Amino acid sequence: MSTLLDENTTHTLREGAFGNARALACRECGHEVALGPSYACPECFGPLEVAYDFPTVTREEIAAGPRNIWRYKALLPVPSDIEQSPNTEPGFTRLLEAKNLARELGLEKLWVKDDSTNPTNSFKDRVVACALSAARELDAKVFACPSTGNLANAVAAAGARAGITTVVFIPSNLETPKQVNSAVYTDRLVAVDGNYDDVNKLASEIAGEEEGWAFVNVNVRPFYAEGSKTLGYEIAEQLGWRLPDQIVIPVASGSQLTKVDKAFRELIALGLVEDKPYKVFGAQATGCSPVSVAYKAGTDAIRPVKPDTIAKSLAIGNPADGIYVLDVCRRSGGAVEDITDDEVRDAIVLLARTEGIFTETAGGTTVGVLKKLVETGQLDTSLETVVINTGHGLKTLDAVSDRVSAAATIAPSYDAFVASGVL
């Protein structure tokens, strides 16, 4: 088998290496290319995504699978023996009915899909698991990524579990907890002076020059992106095999939102859920909101921006899937909205104090946008709604460290407690 991760190289793949995947299809012109390390259409340079020939899949078959994303392996570009390959086994995270938050915001029915309980405490474990499978099948020697933090954590951990050399690239000003959470898994953490878009450009250059490197969100991106579909599958299954009326999803590159929509459409096509309308809403921080700006302007042209926000995991100034986010939100009757950093901080505290969920800044952005959508009348409060929390707040402690503290510091006596006025 070739060790070159090069789209111009012919690879000898084992039978069923990518499961029921048929080809890589261009999202713009529909041209198909063979499964392999390709991410741009050779005809029009549009982005490629995985196309399938799905077999009949039943709810019972899925329910009999493991309590992780591999219960959906028939719908992913992975081999049927994927469970036998060492990986972090992410997914099947909790879906919580958020009655307290719903009451606070004036919603009749609200759920929080809490992906902070994944192995490295973010949803990125899902996409990395699919990318790792592709890297193995393509005989990669180095597993790598450019990242705003959570992806670096997930790649470093997955690489350690798989026993593959791992290199992760991050902006040098990334939150310290996220740097530590990567460096603990790998001694090849590379901090780059610049923002995420600078880091991503460097990664693309390395991918073009080095042999045997699998950059999860560059040359194996089509396979990596499919992992986000499992969020949509799980939400539907955990709701009793039905789709929510409305869903609010954070937008960085935009891939997660578009793939959750793809998951819902696949479930409908396979007859696993009832075909019904659903609205998709995107959430961004104002300091990096090129998709929200384009949505509000009524245009398809997304102008890149220089990120300036505490929501660093969403700080992608030139989002690869931005135009597709616009398409999904407009087609479904949803919207894309943004909030300020102060509103992000407020929403982190709000979610923690209503539902006992400590989210990072991306989740604060999503919950804060949910609140704004309600206040501006863009979201129907009578409809069942799901909001996605993508990561744990311990990764971004600085965001709220100056907003929460001890209510009082007292002497160790009952009289001092009473005098404190805490209650």
Protein backbone atom coordinates (compact mmCIF):
# COMPACT_ATOMS: atom_id res chain seq x y z
CA MET A 1 0.00 0.00 0.00
CA SER A 2 1.26 3.46 -0.81
CA THR A 3 2.30 5.74 2.03
CA LEU A 4 1.76 8.89 -0.01
CA LEU A 5 -1.23 10.95 1.05
CA ASP A 6 -1.42 12.66 -2.30
CA GLU A 7 -4.62 13.04 -4.32
CA ASN A 8 -2.67 12.23 -7.50
CA THR A 9 -1.44 8.91 -6.12
CA THR A 10 -3.29 5.64 -6.69
CA HIS A 11 -3.90 3.82 -3.43
CA THR A 12 -4.49 0.13 -2.97
CA LEU A 13 -7.34 -0.03 -0.48
CA ARG A 14 -8.54 -3.12 1.28
CA GLU A 15 -12.08 -4.28 0.54
CA GLY A 16 -14.60 -2.23 2.50
CA ALA A 17 -12.02 0.29 3.71
CA PHE A 18 -14.64 3.06 3.64
CA GLY A 19 -17.73 0.99 4.36
CA ASN A 20 -20.74 1.91 2.22
CA ALA A 21 -19.11 5.03 0.82
CA ARG A 22 -19.18 5.01 -2.99
CA ALA A 23 -17.08 8.01 -4.00
CA LEU A 24 -16.20 11.60 -3.21
CA ALA A 25 -18.70 13.93 -4.88
CA CYS A 26 -18.33 17.63 -5.58
CA ARG A 27 -20.86 19.75 -3.70
CA GLU A 28 -20.91 22.25 -6.58
CA CYS A 29 -20.91 20.32 -9.86
CA GLY A 30 -21.57 16.74 -8.72
CA HIS A 31 -18.41 15.32 -10.31
CA GLU A 32 -17.24 12.16 -8.53
CA VAL A 33 -13.72 10.96 -7.82
CA ALA A 34 -12.44 7.78 -6.24
CA LEU A 35 -12.29 7.51 -2.46
CA GLY A 36 -8.92 8.75 -1.25
CA PRO A 37 -7.04 11.79 0.08
CA SER A 38 -8.82 14.33 -2.11
CA TYR A 39 -10.70 17.38 -0.91
CA ALA A 40 -11.10 19.62 -3.99
CA CYS A 41 -12.95 18.78 -7.20
CA PRO A 42 -10.56 18.41 -10.17
CA GLU A 43 -13.23 19.86 -12.47
CA CYS A 44 -14.36 23.02 -10.67
CA PHE A 45 -12.28 23.08 -7.44
CA GLY A 46 -15.43 22.83 -5.35
CA PRO A 47 -15.34 20.93 -2.02
CA LEU A 48 -15.75 17.18 -2.02
CA GLU A 49 -17.93 15.19 0.34
CA VAL A 50 -18.60 11.50 0.81
CA ALA A 51 -21.35 9.90 -1.31
CA TYR A 52 -22.84 6.53 -0.36
CA ASP A 53 -24.77 3.55 -1.57
CA PHE A 54 -26.60 2.84 1.67
CA PRO A 55 -28.02 -0.61 2.37
CA THR A 56 -31.28 -1.04 4.24
CA VAL A 57 -30.63 0.09 7.81
CA THR A 58 -33.09 -0.50 10.64
CA ARG A 59 -33.55 1.10 14.02
CA GLU A 60 -33.08 -2.29 15.61
CA GLU A 61 -29.69 -2.79 13.95
CA ILE A 62 -28.53 0.60 15.17
CA ALA A 63 -29.81 -0.02 18.72
CA ALA A 64 -27.88 -3.30 18.83
CA GLY A 65 -24.61 -1.48 18.19
CA PRO A 66 -22.15 -0.07 20.72
CA ARG A 67 -23.02 3.02 22.77
CA ASN A 68 -20.76 5.26 20.71
CA ILE A 69 -20.69 6.61 17.16
CA TRP A 70 -19.91 3.20 15.69
CA ARG A 71 -23.56 2.19 16.19
CA TYR A 72 -23.99 4.27 12.98
CA LYS A 73 -21.04 2.74 11.13
CA ALA A 74 -23.24 1.67 8.21
CA LEU A 75 -23.84 5.40 7.59
CA LEU A 76 -20.20 6.48 7.93
CA PRO A 77 -17.08 6.08 5.71
CA VAL A 78 -15.53 3.46 8.00
CA PRO A 79 -14.99 -0.31 7.68
CA SER A 80 -17.35 -2.81 9.28
CA ASP A 81 -14.61 -3.86 11.71
CA ILE A 82 -13.98 -0.31 12.96
CA GLU A 83 -14.52 -1.33 16.60
CA GLN A 84 -11.39 -3.49 16.44
CA SER A 85 -9.13 -0.50 15.73
CA PRO A 86 -7.95 1.42 18.83
CA ASN A 87 -9.81 4.73 19.01
CA THR A 88 -11.36 6.94 21.67
CA GLU A 89 -14.89 5.57 21.05
CA PRO A 90 -16.70 8.92 21.24
CA GLY A 91 -20.36 9.70 21.05
CA PHE A 92 -23.75 8.75 22.42
CA THR A 93 -23.54 11.70 24.77
CA ARG A 94 -26.50 12.77 26.84
CA LEU A 95 -29.52 14.68 25.58
CA LEU A 96 -30.95 16.57 28.55
CA GLU A 97 -34.37 18.13 28.80
CA ALA A 98 -33.56 21.67 29.93
CA LYS A 99 -36.72 22.61 31.82
CA ASN A 100 -35.11 25.33 33.94
CA LEU A 101 -33.44 27.06 31.00
CA ALA A 102 -36.62 26.70 28.96
CA ARG A 103 -38.59 28.40 31.71
CA GLU A 104 -36.01 31.18 31.94
CA LEU A 105 -36.13 31.84 28.20
CA GLY A 106 -39.85 31.27 27.70
CA LEU A 107 -39.58 28.09 25.64
CA GLU A 108 -42.10 25.27 25.88
CA LYS A 109 -39.72 22.38 25.14
CA LEU A 110 -35.92 22.60 25.13
CA TRP A 111 -33.16 20.01 25.01
CA VAL A 112 -29.41 20.39 25.41
CA LYS A 113 -27.24 17.96 23.46
CA ASP A 114 -24.23 17.91 25.78
CA ASP A 115 -21.12 16.86 23.89
CA SER A 116 -18.81 18.02 26.68
CA THR A 117 -18.78 14.44 27.99
CA ASN A 118 -16.82 13.07 25.02
CA PRO A 119 -13.34 11.63 25.75
CA THR A 120 -11.50 14.97 25.40
CA ASN A 121 -14.57 16.95 26.43
CA SER A 122 -15.68 18.25 23.04
CA PHE A 123 -17.57 17.12 19.96
CA LYS A 124 -14.29 17.06 17.99
CA ASP A 125 -13.71 13.50 19.17
CA ARG A 126 -16.44 12.45 16.74
CA VAL A 127 -14.89 13.91 13.61
CA VAL A 128 -11.39 12.85 14.61
CA ALA A 129 -12.46 9.22 15.02
CA CYS A 130 -13.65 9.15 11.40
CA ALA A 131 -10.51 10.93 10.21
CA LEU A 132 -8.32 8.46 12.09
CA SER A 133 -10.05 5.57 10.36
CA ALA A 134 -9.35 7.16 6.97
CA ALA A 135 -5.72 7.84 7.92
CA ARG A 136 -5.26 4.17 8.81
CA GLU A 137 -6.82 2.93 5.60
CA LEU A 138 -4.58 5.30 3.60
CA ASP A 139 -1.49 4.11 5.49
CA ALA A 140 -0.65 7.53 6.92
CA LYS A 141 2.52 7.85 8.98
CA VAL A 142 1.68 11.15 10.66
CA PHE A 143 -1.70 12.22 12.06
CA ALA A 144 -2.02 16.02 12.21
CA CYS A 145 -4.26 19.08 12.27
CA PRO A 146 -4.44 22.87 12.44
CA SER A 147 -6.75 23.76 15.29
CA THR A 148 -8.39 26.42 17.44
CA GLY A 149 -7.98 24.10 20.42
CA ASN A 150 -10.57 21.36 20.77
CA LEU A 151 -9.51 19.63 17.58
CA ALA A 152 -5.88 19.61 18.71
CA ASN A 153 -6.95 17.96 21.97
CA ALA A 154 -8.94 15.30 20.12
CA VAL A 155 -6.26 14.57 17.50
CA ALA A 156 -3.50 14.33 20.11
CA ALA A 157 -5.52 11.92 22.24
CA ALA A 158 -6.68 9.79 19.30
CA GLY A 159 -3.15 9.60 17.92
CA ALA A 160 -1.84 8.45 21.28
CA ARG A 161 -4.54 5.80 21.53
CA ALA A 162 -3.81 4.59 17.99
CA GLY A 163 -0.03 4.63 18.42
CA ILE A 164 0.56 6.92 15.44
CA THR A 165 2.94 9.88 15.32
CA THR A 166 0.87 13.00 15.93
CA VAL A 167 1.61 16.68 15.27
CA VAL A 168 -0.88 19.44 16.11
CA PHE A 169 -0.68 23.12 15.16
CA ILE A 170 -2.41 25.88 17.13
CA PRO A 171 -2.41 29.70 17.34
CA SER A 172 0.15 30.72 19.96
CA ASN A 173 -2.43 32.83 21.85
CA LEU A 174 -4.75 29.89 22.45
CA GLU A 175 -6.22 29.44 25.92
CA THR A 176 -3.69 27.75 28.24
CA PRO A 177 -6.00 24.88 29.29
CA LYS A 178 -6.44 23.87 25.65
CA GLN A 179 -2.68 23.98 25.06
CA VAL A 180 -2.09 21.78 28.10
CA ASN A 181 -4.86 19.40 27.03
CA SER A 182 -3.00 18.81 23.78
CA ALA A 183 0.57 18.79 25.09
CA VAL A 184 -0.27 16.13 27.67
CA TYR A 185 -1.03 13.68 24.83
CA THR A 186 1.79 14.61 22.42
CA ASP A 187 5.25 16.14 22.56
CA ARG A 188 4.69 17.58 19.08
CA LEU A 189 2.45 20.56 19.81
CA VAL A 190 3.44 23.44 17.54
CA ALA A 191 2.32 26.98 18.44
CA VAL A 192 2.18 29.35 15.48
CA ASP A 193 2.30 33.14 15.72
CA GLY A 194 -0.90 34.07 13.94
CA ASN A 195 -4.64 33.33 13.94
CA TYR A 196 -6.34 30.10 12.91
CA ASP A 197 -6.43 31.03 9.24
CA ASP A 198 -2.63 31.46 9.32
CA VAL A 199 -2.26 28.07 11.00
CA ASN A 200 -4.57 26.44 8.47
CA LYS A 201 -2.57 27.91 5.58
CA LEU A 202 0.64 26.48 7.04
CA ALA A 203 -0.99 23.07 7.43
CA SER A 204 -2.08 23.10 3.80
CA GLU A 205 1.48 23.89 2.73
CA ILE A 206 2.89 21.04 4.82
CA ALA A 207 0.26 18.64 3.48
CA GLY A 208 1.39 19.51 -0.04
CA GLU A 209 5.08 18.99 0.70
CA GLU A 210 5.32 16.13 3.18
CA GLU A 211 4.69 12.47 2.38
CA GLY A 212 2.47 10.30 4.55
CA TRP A 213 0.79 13.10 6.52
CA ALA A 214 -2.97 12.93 7.19
CA PHE A 215 -4.22 16.36 8.16
CA VAL A 216 -7.68 15.60 9.50
CA ASN A 217 -9.27 18.84 8.28
CA VAL A 218 -7.21 19.26 5.10
CA ASN A 219 -6.40 16.23 2.93
CA VAL A 220 -8.79 13.81 4.68
CA ARG A 221 -11.42 16.47 5.42
CA PRO A 222 -14.30 14.76 3.55
CA PHE A 223 -14.02 11.74 5.88
CA TYR A 224 -13.41 13.85 8.97
CA ALA A 225 -16.48 16.01 8.33
CA GLU A 226 -18.80 12.98 8.22
CA GLY A 227 -18.25 12.44 11.95
CA SER A 228 -20.42 15.48 12.66
CA LYS A 229 -23.41 13.62 11.23
CA THR A 230 -23.45 11.44 14.33
CA LEU A 231 -24.70 14.41 16.36
CA GLY A 232 -27.79 14.49 14.17
CA TYR A 233 -28.24 10.72 14.29
CA GLU A 234 -28.04 10.66 18.07
CA ILE A 235 -30.43 13.55 18.58
CA ALA A 236 -33.03 11.82 16.42
CA GLU A 237 -32.56 8.46 18.12
CA GLN A 238 -32.60 9.95 21.63
CA LEU A 239 -35.82 11.82 20.81
CA GLY A 240 -37.43 8.47 20.00
CA TRP A 241 -36.54 8.46 16.30
CA ARG A 242 -37.95 11.86 15.42
CA LEU A 243 -36.48 15.18 14.39
CA PRO A 244 -36.68 18.34 16.51
CA ASP A 245 -38.65 21.29 15.19
CA GLN A 246 -35.71 23.67 15.67
CA ILE A 247 -32.00 23.28 16.36
CA VAL A 248 -29.32 25.86 17.22
CA ILE A 249 -25.74 24.97 16.22
CA PRO A 250 -22.44 26.87 16.62
CA VAL A 251 -20.66 27.95 13.44
CA ALA A 252 -16.87 27.94 13.08
CA SER A 253 -16.00 26.43 9.69
CA GLY A 254 -19.70 25.64 9.32
CA SER A 255 -19.15 21.93 8.76
CA GLN A 256 -20.95 20.78 11.89
CA LEU A 257 -24.15 22.59 10.99
CA THR A 258 -24.22 21.36 7.41
CA LYS A 259 -23.51 17.77 8.44
CA VAL A 260 -26.24 17.70 11.09
CA ASP A 261 -28.60 18.78 8.32
CA LYS A 262 -27.16 16.04 6.09
CA ALA A 263 -27.77 13.51 8.87
CA PHE A 264 -31.41 14.54 9.21
CA ARG A 265 -31.93 14.28 5.45
CA GLU A 266 -30.29 10.84 5.36
CA LEU A 267 -32.49 9.57 8.18
CA ILE A 268 -35.55 10.76 6.29
CA ALA A 269 -34.38 9.13 3.05
CA LEU A 270 -33.71 5.83 4.85
CA GLY A 271 -37.15 5.85 6.45
CA LEU A 272 -35.73 5.92 9.95
CA VAL A 273 -37.61 9.11 10.89
CA GLU A 274 -40.76 10.80 9.64
CA ASP A 275 -40.25 13.43 6.96
CA LYS A 276 -41.10 16.77 8.56
CA PRO A 277 -39.96 20.40 8.41
CA TYR A 278 -37.22 21.51 10.79
CA LYS A 279 -35.45 24.84 11.18
CA VAL A 280 -31.68 25.18 11.52
CA PHE A 281 -30.11 28.20 13.24
CA GLY A 282 -26.42 29.10 13.26
CA ALA A 283 -24.61 30.83 16.13
CA GLN A 284 -21.52 33.03 15.96
CA ALA A 285 -19.71 35.51 18.20
CA THR A 286 -19.86 39.08 16.93
CA GLY A 287 -16.05 39.32 16.93
CA CYS A 288 -15.93 36.60 14.25
CA SER A 289 -19.28 36.55 12.50
CA PRO A 290 -18.77 36.57 8.73
CA VAL A 291 -21.62 34.11 8.13
CA SER A 292 -24.05 36.03 10.32
CA VAL A 293 -23.12 39.27 8.57
CA ALA A 294 -23.75 37.68 5.16
CA TYR A 295 -27.06 36.22 6.30
CA LYS A 296 -28.30 39.57 7.57
CA ALA A 297 -27.15 41.30 4.39
CA GLY A 298 -29.04 38.78 2.27
CA THR A 299 -25.95 37.87 0.28
CA ASP A 300 -24.03 34.68 -0.49
CA ALA A 301 -20.69 36.49 -0.46
CA ILE A 302 -18.90 35.85 2.82
CA ARG A 303 -16.16 38.38 3.48
CA PRO A 304 -13.26 36.99 5.57
CA VAL A 305 -12.61 38.77 8.86
CA LYS A 306 -9.82 38.93 11.41
CA PRO A 307 -11.19 37.21 14.54
CA ASP A 308 -11.45 39.21 17.75
CA THR A 309 -13.50 37.24 20.27
CA ILE A 310 -13.15 35.16 23.42
CA ALA A 311 -14.90 32.33 21.55
CA LYS A 312 -11.62 31.11 20.08
CA SER A 313 -12.95 27.69 19.11
CA LEU A 314 -15.33 29.50 16.73
CA ALA A 315 -12.72 32.04 15.56
CA ILE A 316 -12.39 31.05 11.92
CA GLY A 317 -12.40 34.23 9.89
CA ASN A 318 -12.73 32.51 6.51
CA PRO A 319 -15.15 29.60 7.11
CA ALA A 320 -14.87 26.88 4.47
CA ASP A 321 -18.53 25.85 4.67
CA GLY A 322 -19.97 29.31 5.30
CA ILE A 323 -21.95 29.50 2.06
CA TYR A 324 -23.46 26.09 2.76
CA VAL A 325 -24.51 27.24 6.23
CA LEU A 326 -26.39 30.09 4.59
CA ASP A 327 -28.07 27.64 2.23
CA VAL A 328 -29.19 25.29 5.02
CA CYS A 329 -30.48 28.05 7.30
CA ARG A 330 -32.35 29.83 4.52
CA ARG A 331 -33.77 26.64 3.04
CA SER A 332 -35.01 25.42 6.41
CA GLY A 333 -36.47 28.77 7.49
CA GLY A 334 -33.86 29.30 10.19
CA ALA A 335 -31.32 32.11 10.59
CA VAL A 336 -27.73 32.93 11.54
CA GLU A 337 -27.25 35.24 14.51
CA ASP A 338 -24.35 36.56 16.57
CA ILE A 339 -23.78 37.94 20.09
CA THR A 340 -21.12 39.96 21.88
CA ASP A 341 -18.44 38.52 24.14
CA ASP A 342 -20.25 39.86 27.21
CA GLU A 343 -23.37 38.02 26.09
CA VAL A 344 -21.26 34.87 25.64
CA ARG A 345 -20.05 35.17 29.25
CA ASP A 346 -23.57 35.76 30.53
CA ALA A 347 -24.85 32.69 28.68
CA ILE A 348 -22.12 30.46 30.13
CA VAL A 349 -23.25 31.42 33.63
CA LEU A 350 -26.93 31.12 32.67
CA LEU A 351 -26.56 27.54 31.43
CA ALA A 352 -24.50 26.55 34.46
CA ARG A 353 -26.97 28.01 36.96
CA THR A 354 -30.11 26.70 35.30
CA GLU A 355 -29.01 23.24 34.12
CA GLY A 356 -25.75 22.43 35.89
CA ILE A 357 -23.82 22.34 32.62
CA PHE A 358 -20.53 24.23 32.46
CA THR A 359 -19.92 25.08 28.83
CA GLU A 360 -16.97 26.66 27.10
CA THR A 361 -17.24 29.85 25.06
CA ALA A 362 -18.61 28.06 21.97
CA GLY A 363 -21.51 26.71 24.03
CA GLY A 364 -21.96 30.13 25.59
CA THR A 365 -22.24 31.53 22.10
CA THR A 366 -24.88 28.99 21.13
CA VAL A 367 -26.98 29.41 24.27
CA GLY A 368 -26.62 33.18 24.04
CA VAL A 369 -27.77 33.15 20.43
CA LEU A 370 -30.71 30.94 21.43
CA LYS A 371 -31.68 33.62 23.96
CA LYS A 372 -31.33 36.36 21.34
CA LEU A 373 -33.37 34.41 18.78
CA VAL A 374 -36.19 34.17 21.32
CA GLU A 375 -35.97 37.85 22.23
CA THR A 376 -36.01 38.96 18.58
CA GLY A 377 -38.85 36.63 17.63
CA GLN A 378 -36.81 34.66 15.11
CA LEU A 379 -37.37 31.38 16.95
CA ASP A 380 -40.81 29.93 17.68
CA THR A 381 -41.05 29.39 21.44
CA SER A 382 -43.88 26.88 21.06
CA LEU A 383 -41.79 24.42 19.04
CA GLU A 384 -39.48 21.71 20.37
CA THR A 385 -35.92 23.03 20.24
CA VAL A 386 -32.45 21.50 20.63
CA VAL A 387 -29.32 23.50 21.40
CA ILE A 388 -25.87 21.92 21.07
CA ASN A 389 -23.16 22.31 23.70
CA THR A 390 -19.90 21.37 22.01
CA GLY A 391 -17.34 21.58 24.83
CA HIS A 392 -16.57 21.80 28.55
CA GLY A 393 -16.08 25.06 30.42
CA LEU A 394 -12.90 23.91 32.14
CA LYS A 395 -11.19 24.62 28.80
CA THR A 396 -12.04 28.33 28.89
CA LEU A 397 -12.02 29.26 32.58
CA ASP A 398 -10.69 32.76 31.92
CA ALA A 399 -13.93 33.67 30.14
CA VAL A 400 -15.90 33.75 33.39
CA SER A 401 -13.23 33.84 36.12
CA ASP A 402 -13.91 37.53 36.79
CA ARG A 403 -17.69 37.01 36.87
CA VAL A 404 -17.96 34.29 39.50
CA SER A 405 -16.40 34.11 42.94
CA ALA A 406 -17.08 33.21 46.56
CA ALA A 407 -20.24 34.86 47.84
CA ALA A 408 -18.45 35.63 51.12
CA THR A 409 -15.27 34.88 53.04
CA ILE A 410 -16.10 34.27 56.71
CA ALA A 411 -14.70 33.03 59.97
CA PRO A 412 -15.48 29.37 60.79
CA SER A 413 -18.49 30.13 63.01
CA TYR A 414 -22.27 30.02 62.74
CA ASP A 415 -22.58 33.66 63.77
CA ALA A 416 -20.22 34.67 60.96
CA PHE A 417 -22.30 32.69 58.49
CA VAL A 418 -25.50 34.37 59.61
CA ALA A 419 -23.85 37.79 59.45
CA SER A 420 -22.65 37.17 55.89
CA GLY A 421 -26.16 37.45 54.52
CA VAL A 422 -25.61 34.62 52.04
CA LEU A 423 -29.14 33.40 52.70
